[in-house]
Amino acid sequence: FRNHKLADGSYAIDYMSRALDMPYHRFVHLPVHIHGAVIYSRYPIVGIDTLFMPRKEINSGILASIESPVGMVGVGNVHLSSFQIAQTYNETEGFFEKLIAIFRRAKMVVKLQNDKVDQILSKTAKYPNPIILTGDMNATPHTRVNYLLAQNLNDSFRAAGSGSGWSYPLLNKMLGLRIDHQYASSEFEILNHEIVRAGVSDHYPVIATYRIQP
């Protein structure tokens, strides 16, 4: 999330709060960055924790404790490290040099993602309340990142999705990658998983509906 100042003098974080009808929100970022992670809620956010917060990246992960009508629940927003393949390609001279640079970048990002998912699982394993973990994982379903998450939490797409489920468009929006995911602990029944084909971002929004199991 980037908290832009808007033309009327207000800020993006407050505009989104009104547009979503979610008065409670927490925006977490390092002072050296203008980007961070945000969580909006219709119910009070009574606690916030970081799942990871590296100093050299804008990618971060946070966990909010929300006082919902059915009790305390946790909602995590995660943005894992980005591959930035196009940027790496454009910034490097020579075809073979480009390939080498992309390979090195990919190798580094995979390590960063794996380190972060280990941190996520270590913290969420100790979390005392039902939890939903969402976000831009920058990783497809077959990767170690999502394999480990799916071993510990339920994948909303697998439970209630349909089709290919991709959220990051490629090839003029004719094809894409499923790199945005939602996971929930066993206390939640997953009722719905939907991809919104909207042009509000380079990724498509992912919406899921949950119900606490009786």
C-alpha atoms as a PDB file:
ATOM      1  CA  PHE A   1       0.000   0.000   0.000  1.00  0.00           C
ATOM      2  CA  ARG A   2       1.201   3.519  -0.815  1.00  0.00           C
ATOM      3  CA  ASN A   3      -0.473   6.294   1.133  1.00  0.00           C
ATOM      4  CA  HIS A   4      -0.712   8.973  -1.572  1.00  0.00           C
ATOM      5  CA  LYS A   5      -1.935  12.465  -0.829  1.00  0.00           C
ATOM      6  CA  LEU A   6      -5.015  13.092  -2.984  1.00  0.00           C
ATOM      7  CA  ALA A   7      -6.113  16.214  -4.841  1.00  0.00           C
ATOM      8  CA  ASP A   8      -8.551  17.240  -2.087  1.00  0.00           C
ATOM      9  CA  GLY A   9      -5.785  17.126   0.528  1.00  0.00           C
ATOM     10  CA  SER A  10      -6.874  13.840   2.100  1.00  0.00           C
ATOM     11  CA  TYR A  11      -4.842  10.651   1.994  1.00  0.00           C
ATOM     12  CA  ALA A  12      -5.422   7.374   0.190  1.00  0.00           C
ATOM     13  CA  ILE A  13      -5.699   5.388   3.414  1.00  0.00           C
ATOM     14  CA  ASP A  14      -8.716   7.420   4.554  1.00  0.00           C
ATOM     15  CA  TYR A  15     -10.305   7.436   1.097  1.00  0.00           C
ATOM     16  CA  MET A  16     -10.140   3.638   0.971  1.00  0.00           C
ATOM     17  CA  SER A  17     -11.573   3.393   4.463  1.00  0.00           C
ATOM     18  CA  ARG A  18     -14.635   5.379   3.404  1.00  0.00           C
ATOM     19  CA  ALA A  19     -14.971   3.607   0.036  1.00  0.00           C
ATOM     20  CA  LEU A  20     -14.840   0.170   1.650  1.00  0.00           C
ATOM     21  CA  ASP A  21     -17.009   1.179   4.622  1.00  0.00           C
ATOM     22  CA  MET A  22     -14.293  -0.165   6.906  1.00  0.00           C
ATOM     23  CA  PRO A  23     -13.560   2.466   9.568  1.00  0.00           C
ATOM     24  CA  TYR A  24     -10.752   0.549  11.257  1.00  0.00           C
ATOM     25  CA  HIS A  25      -7.372   0.234   9.605  1.00  0.00           C
ATOM     26  CA  ARG A  26      -3.703  -0.181  10.399  1.00  0.00           C
ATOM     27  CA  PHE A  27      -0.921   0.813   8.010  1.00  0.00           C
ATOM     28  CA  VAL A  28       2.514  -0.523   8.920  1.00  0.00           C
ATOM     29  CA  HIS A  29       5.705   0.587   7.201  1.00  0.00           C
ATOM     30  CA  LEU A  30       9.309   1.427   7.981  1.00  0.00           C
ATOM     31  CA  PRO A  31      10.195   5.133   8.241  1.00  0.00           C
ATOM     32  CA  VAL A  32      12.654   4.724   5.353  1.00  0.00           C
ATOM     33  CA  HIS A  33       9.865   3.551   2.999  1.00  0.00           C
ATOM     34  CA  ILE A  34       6.627   5.110   1.769  1.00  0.00           C
ATOM     35  CA  HIS A  35       5.162   1.678   1.011  1.00  0.00           C
ATOM     36  CA  GLY A  36       3.848  -0.775   3.560  1.00  0.00           C
ATOM     37  CA  ALA A  37       1.104  -3.243   4.437  1.00  0.00           C
ATOM     38  CA  VAL A  38      -2.438  -2.227   5.373  1.00  0.00           C
ATOM     39  CA  ILE A  39      -5.431  -4.049   6.834  1.00  0.00           C
ATOM     40  CA  TYR A  40      -8.967  -2.611   6.829  1.00  0.00           C
ATOM     41  CA  SER A  41     -11.779  -3.900   9.021  1.00  0.00           C
ATOM     42  CA  ARG A  42     -15.400  -3.175   9.918  1.00  0.00           C
ATOM     43  CA  TYR A  43     -14.571  -4.242  13.462  1.00  0.00           C
ATOM     44  CA  PRO A  44     -11.981  -2.914  15.940  1.00  0.00           C
ATOM     45  CA  ILE A  45      -8.351  -3.865  15.364  1.00  0.00           C
ATOM     46  CA  VAL A  46      -7.104  -4.410  18.899  1.00  0.00           C
ATOM     47  CA  GLY A  47      -3.568  -5.554  18.119  1.00  0.00           C
ATOM     48  CA  ILE A  48      -1.016  -5.554  15.325  1.00  0.00           C
ATOM     49  CA  ASP A  49       2.194  -7.529  14.851  1.00  0.00           C
ATOM     50  CA  THR A  50       4.740  -7.909  12.075  1.00  0.00           C
ATOM     51  CA  LEU A  51       5.207 -11.275  10.408  1.00  0.00           C
ATOM     52  CA  PHE A  52       8.335  -9.910   8.714  1.00  0.00           C
ATOM     53  CA  MET A  53       9.621  -6.400   8.042  1.00  0.00           C
ATOM     54  CA  PRO A  54      12.941  -6.316   6.133  1.00  0.00           C
ATOM     55  CA  ARG A  55      14.794  -3.005   5.985  1.00  0.00           C
ATOM     56  CA  LYS A  56      15.969  -3.349   2.388  1.00  0.00           C
ATOM     57  CA  GLU A  57      12.596  -4.174   0.787  1.00  0.00           C
ATOM     58  CA  ILE A  58       9.165  -2.573   0.623  1.00  0.00           C
ATOM     59  CA  ASN A  59       7.638  -6.070   0.862  1.00  0.00           C
ATOM     60  CA  SER A  60       6.342  -6.823   4.344  1.00  0.00           C
ATOM     61  CA  GLY A  61       3.831  -8.885   6.303  1.00  0.00           C
ATOM     62  CA  ILE A  62       1.550  -7.917   9.180  1.00  0.00           C
ATOM     63  CA  LEU A  63      -0.985  -9.666  11.399  1.00  0.00           C
ATOM     64  CA  ALA A  64      -3.986  -7.863  12.892  1.00  0.00           C
ATOM     65  CA  SER A  65      -6.056  -9.136  15.813  1.00  0.00           C
ATOM     66  CA  ILE A  66      -9.669  -8.157  15.176  1.00  0.00           C
ATOM     67  CA  GLU A  67     -12.521  -8.117  17.683  1.00  0.00           C
ATOM     68  CA  SER A  68     -15.279  -9.582  15.504  1.00  0.00           C
ATOM     69  CA  PRO A  69     -18.866 -10.438  16.507  1.00  0.00           C
ATOM     70  CA  VAL A  70     -17.868 -14.117  16.693  1.00  0.00           C
ATOM     71  CA  GLY A  71     -14.756 -13.521  18.783  1.00  0.00           C
ATOM     72  CA  MET A  72     -11.135 -12.659  18.189  1.00  0.00           C
ATOM     73  CA  VAL A  73      -9.733 -13.499  14.753  1.00  0.00           C
ATOM     74  CA  GLY A  74      -6.412 -12.825  13.107  1.00  0.00           C
ATOM     75  CA  VAL A  75      -6.022 -11.422   9.600  1.00  0.00           C
ATOM     76  CA  GLY A  76      -2.608 -11.403   7.995  1.00  0.00           C
ATOM     77  CA  ASN A  77      -1.551  -9.374   4.946  1.00  0.00           C
ATOM     78  CA  VAL A  78       1.597 -10.688   3.262  1.00  0.00           C
ATOM     79  CA  HIS A  79       3.655  -9.345   0.360  1.00  0.00           C
ATOM     80  CA  LEU A  80       6.552 -11.662  -0.400  1.00  0.00           C
ATOM     81  CA  SER A  81       9.653 -10.611  -2.350  1.00  0.00           C
ATOM     82  CA  SER A  82       9.136  -9.686  -5.999  1.00  0.00           C
ATOM     83  CA  PHE A  83      11.109 -11.200  -8.888  1.00  0.00           C
ATOM     84  CA  GLN A  84      11.191  -7.953 -10.936  1.00  0.00           C
ATOM     85  CA  ILE A  85      12.191  -9.881 -14.060  1.00  0.00           C
ATOM     86  CA  ALA A  86      11.260  -7.124 -16.521  1.00  0.00           C
ATOM     87  CA  GLN A  87      13.158  -4.512 -14.525  1.00  0.00           C
ATOM     88  CA  THR A  88      16.214  -6.764 -14.233  1.00  0.00           C
ATOM     89  CA  TYR A  89      16.098  -7.476 -17.973  1.00  0.00           C
ATOM     90  CA  ASN A  90      15.832  -3.801 -18.902  1.00  0.00           C
ATOM     91  CA  GLU A  91      18.622  -2.718 -16.578  1.00  0.00           C
ATOM     92  CA  THR A  92      21.181  -5.219 -17.964  1.00  0.00           C
ATOM     93  CA  GLU A  93      23.154  -4.965 -21.209  1.00  0.00           C
ATOM     94  CA  GLY A  94      23.743  -7.975 -23.481  1.00  0.00           C
ATOM     95  CA  PHE A  95      21.498 -11.003 -23.976  1.00  0.00           C
ATOM     96  CA  PHE A  96      23.558 -13.535 -22.007  1.00  0.00           C
ATOM     97  CA  GLU A  97      24.225 -10.969 -19.294  1.00  0.00           C
ATOM     98  CA  LYS A  98      20.462 -10.445 -19.041  1.00  0.00           C
ATOM     99  CA  LEU A  99      19.917 -14.182 -18.595  1.00  0.00           C
ATOM    100  CA  ILE A 100      22.594 -14.383 -15.913  1.00  0.00           C
ATOM    101  CA  ALA A 101      21.167 -11.367 -14.087  1.00  0.00           C
ATOM    102  CA  ILE A 102      17.647 -12.822 -14.173  1.00  0.00           C
ATOM    103  CA  PHE A 103      18.905 -16.189 -12.879  1.00  0.00           C
ATOM    104  CA  ARG A 104      20.768 -14.530 -10.006  1.00  0.00           C
ATOM    105  CA  ARG A 105      17.789 -12.361  -9.146  1.00  0.00           C
ATOM    106  CA  ALA A 106      15.422 -15.351  -9.180  1.00  0.00           C
ATOM    107  CA  LYS A 107      17.756 -17.392  -6.983  1.00  0.00           C
ATOM    108  CA  MET A 108      18.001 -14.563  -4.451  1.00  0.00           C
ATOM    109  CA  VAL A 109      14.205 -13.987  -4.420  1.00  0.00           C
ATOM    110  CA  VAL A 110      13.421 -17.677  -3.891  1.00  0.00           C
ATOM    111  CA  LYS A 111      15.698 -17.667  -0.840  1.00  0.00           C
ATOM    112  CA  LEU A 112      14.084 -14.481   0.488  1.00  0.00           C
ATOM    113  CA  GLN A 113      10.598 -15.936   0.013  1.00  0.00           C
ATOM    114  CA  ASN A 114      11.506 -19.190   1.723  1.00  0.00           C
ATOM    115  CA  ASP A 115      13.050 -17.369   4.682  1.00  0.00           C
ATOM    116  CA  LYS A 116       9.917 -15.258   5.042  1.00  0.00           C
ATOM    117  CA  VAL A 117       7.457 -18.131   4.843  1.00  0.00           C
ATOM    118  CA  ASP A 118       9.438 -19.844   7.600  1.00  0.00           C
ATOM    119  CA  GLN A 119       9.036 -16.694   9.717  1.00  0.00           C
ATOM    120  CA  ILE A 120       5.308 -16.561   8.920  1.00  0.00           C
ATOM    121  CA  LEU A 121       4.715 -20.157   9.925  1.00  0.00           C
ATOM    122  CA  SER A 122       6.774 -19.798  13.081  1.00  0.00           C
ATOM    123  CA  LYS A 123       4.685 -16.826  14.237  1.00  0.00           C
ATOM    124  CA  THR A 124       1.264 -18.047  13.115  1.00  0.00           C
ATOM    125  CA  ALA A 125       1.834 -21.442  14.763  1.00  0.00           C
ATOM    126  CA  LYS A 126       1.863 -19.633  18.109  1.00  0.00           C
ATOM    127  CA  TYR A 127      -1.106 -17.405  17.348  1.00  0.00           C
ATOM    128  CA  PRO A 128      -3.977 -18.251  19.743  1.00  0.00           C
ATOM    129  CA  ASN A 129      -6.956 -17.269  17.532  1.00  0.00           C
ATOM    130  CA  PRO A 130      -8.450 -18.442  14.206  1.00  0.00           C
ATOM    131  CA  ILE A 131      -6.487 -16.871  11.384  1.00  0.00           C
ATOM    132  CA  ILE A 132      -6.851 -15.867   7.736  1.00  0.00           C
ATOM    133  CA  LEU A 133      -3.629 -15.206   5.843  1.00  0.00           C
ATOM    134  CA  THR A 134      -3.900 -13.326   2.554  1.00  0.00           C
ATOM    135  CA  GLY A 135      -1.717 -11.491   0.110  1.00  0.00           C
ATOM    136  CA  ASP A 136       0.586 -11.273  -2.852  1.00  0.00           C
ATOM    137  CA  MET A 137       2.868 -14.270  -2.371  1.00  0.00           C
ATOM    138  CA  ASN A 138       4.625 -13.716  -5.724  1.00  0.00           C
ATOM    139  CA  ALA A 139       4.702 -17.505  -5.903  1.00  0.00           C
ATOM    140  CA  THR A 140       2.680 -20.030  -7.883  1.00  0.00           C
ATOM    141  CA  PRO A 141       0.898 -22.944  -6.153  1.00  0.00           C
ATOM    142  CA  HIS A 142       3.626 -25.546  -6.845  1.00  0.00           C
ATOM    143  CA  THR A 143       6.368 -23.629  -5.011  1.00  0.00           C
ATOM    144  CA  ARG A 144       7.720 -24.421  -1.550  1.00  0.00           C
ATOM    145  CA  VAL A 145       6.107 -21.239  -0.240  1.00  0.00           C
ATOM    146  CA  ASN A 146       2.563 -22.310  -1.032  1.00  0.00           C
ATOM    147  CA  TYR A 147       3.214 -25.985  -0.364  1.00  0.00           C
ATOM    148  CA  LEU A 148       4.168 -25.161   3.239  1.00  0.00           C
ATOM    149  CA  LEU A 149       1.269 -22.747   3.705  1.00  0.00           C
ATOM    150  CA  ALA A 150      -1.180 -25.336   2.338  1.00  0.00           C
ATOM    151  CA  GLN A 151       0.216 -27.935   4.730  1.00  0.00           C
ATOM    152  CA  ASN A 152      -0.691 -25.742   7.686  1.00  0.00           C
ATOM    153  CA  LEU A 153      -3.743 -23.797   6.449  1.00  0.00           C
ATOM    154  CA  ASN A 154      -6.605 -24.328   3.976  1.00  0.00           C
ATOM    155  CA  ASP A 155      -6.274 -22.779   0.516  1.00  0.00           C
ATOM    156  CA  SER A 156      -9.457 -20.818  -0.282  1.00  0.00           C
ATOM    157  CA  PHE A 157      -9.088 -21.445  -4.020  1.00  0.00           C
ATOM    158  CA  ARG A 158      -8.838 -25.196  -3.621  1.00  0.00           C
ATOM    159  CA  ALA A 159     -11.792 -25.180  -1.247  1.00  0.00           C
ATOM    160  CA  ALA A 160     -14.179 -22.894  -3.132  1.00  0.00           C
ATOM    161  CA  GLY A 161     -12.545 -21.564  -6.306  1.00  0.00           C
ATOM    162  CA  SER A 162     -13.072 -22.512  -9.926  1.00  0.00           C
ATOM    163  CA  GLY A 163     -11.209 -22.346 -13.223  1.00  0.00           C
ATOM    164  CA  SER A 164      -7.521 -21.488 -13.289  1.00  0.00           C
ATOM    165  CA  GLY A 165      -7.827 -18.866 -10.572  1.00  0.00           C
ATOM    166  CA  TRP A 166      -5.043 -16.661 -11.895  1.00  0.00           C
ATOM    167  CA  SER A 167      -4.736 -13.180 -10.445  1.00  0.00           C
ATOM    168  CA  TYR A 168      -1.749 -11.716 -12.294  1.00  0.00           C
ATOM    169  CA  PRO A 169      -2.549 -11.130 -15.972  1.00  0.00           C
ATOM    170  CA  LEU A 170      -0.098 -11.896 -18.797  1.00  0.00           C
ATOM    171  CA  LEU A 171      -0.264 -11.902 -22.614  1.00  0.00           C
ATOM    172  CA  ASN A 172      -2.736  -9.028 -22.886  1.00  0.00           C
ATOM    173  CA  LYS A 173      -4.846 -10.497 -20.077  1.00  0.00           C
ATOM    174  CA  MET A 174      -5.425 -13.731 -21.980  1.00  0.00           C
ATOM    175  CA  LEU A 175      -3.382 -15.762 -19.519  1.00  0.00           C
ATOM    176  CA  GLY A 176      -1.985 -15.274 -16.058  1.00  0.00           C
ATOM    177  CA  LEU A 177      -0.403 -16.648 -12.907  1.00  0.00           C
ATOM    178  CA  ARG A 178      -2.038 -17.558  -9.599  1.00  0.00           C
ATOM    179  CA  ILE A 179       0.331 -15.744  -7.254  1.00  0.00           C
ATOM    180  CA  ASP A 180      -2.197 -14.064  -4.926  1.00  0.00           C
ATOM    181  CA  HIS A 181      -3.563 -16.426  -2.306  1.00  0.00           C
ATOM    182  CA  GLN A 182      -5.760 -16.719   0.752  1.00  0.00           C
ATOM    183  CA  TYR A 183      -5.350 -19.331   3.462  1.00  0.00           C
ATOM    184  CA  ALA A 184      -7.450 -19.992   6.559  1.00  0.00           C
ATOM    185  CA  SER A 185      -7.109 -22.073   9.688  1.00  0.00           C
ATOM    186  CA  SER A 186      -9.416 -25.026  10.255  1.00  0.00           C
ATOM    187  CA  GLU A 187     -11.866 -23.006  12.357  1.00  0.00           C
ATOM    188  CA  PHE A 188     -13.092 -21.311   9.174  1.00  0.00           C
ATOM    189  CA  GLU A 189     -15.481 -22.778   6.641  1.00  0.00           C
ATOM    190  CA  ILE A 190     -14.545 -21.373   3.212  1.00  0.00           C
ATOM    191  CA  LEU A 191     -17.748 -20.427   1.393  1.00  0.00           C
ATOM    192  CA  ASN A 192     -16.511 -18.588  -1.684  1.00  0.00           C
ATOM    193  CA  HIS A 193     -13.371 -17.620  -3.624  1.00  0.00           C
ATOM    194  CA  GLU A 194     -13.561 -15.081  -6.431  1.00  0.00           C
ATOM    195  CA  ILE A 195     -11.143 -13.221  -8.719  1.00  0.00           C
ATOM    196  CA  VAL A 196     -12.356  -9.734  -9.641  1.00  0.00           C
ATOM    197  CA  ARG A 197     -11.234  -8.853 -13.180  1.00  0.00           C
ATOM    198  CA  ALA A 198     -10.786  -5.184 -12.362  1.00  0.00           C
ATOM    199  CA  GLY A 199      -8.061  -2.841 -13.547  1.00  0.00           C
ATOM    200  CA  VAL A 200      -7.376  -1.204 -10.181  1.00  0.00           C
ATOM    201  CA  SER A 201      -3.912  -2.751  -9.937  1.00  0.00           C
ATOM    202  CA  ASP A 202      -1.423  -4.841 -11.904  1.00  0.00           C
ATOM    203  CA  HIS A 203      -2.927  -7.739  -9.900  1.00  0.00           C
ATOM    204  CA  TYR A 204      -6.595  -8.696  -9.757  1.00  0.00           C
ATOM    205  CA  PRO A 205      -8.306  -8.545  -6.341  1.00  0.00           C
ATOM    206  CA  VAL A 206      -9.040 -11.854  -4.629  1.00  0.00           C
ATOM    207  CA  ILE A 207     -12.213 -12.027  -2.545  1.00  0.00           C
ATOM    208  CA  ALA A 208     -13.112 -14.925  -0.276  1.00  0.00           C
ATOM    209  CA  THR A 209     -15.999 -15.455   2.152  1.00  0.00           C
ATOM    210  CA  TYR A 210     -15.558 -17.320   5.432  1.00  0.00           C
ATOM    211  CA  ARG A 211     -17.706 -18.525   8.311  1.00  0.00           C
ATOM    212  CA  ILE A 212     -16.503 -19.641  11.710  1.00  0.00           C
ATOM    213  CA  GLN A 213     -17.237 -23.330  12.145  1.00  0.00           C
ATOM    214  CA  PRO A 214     -19.729 -23.981  14.986  1.00  0.00           C
END
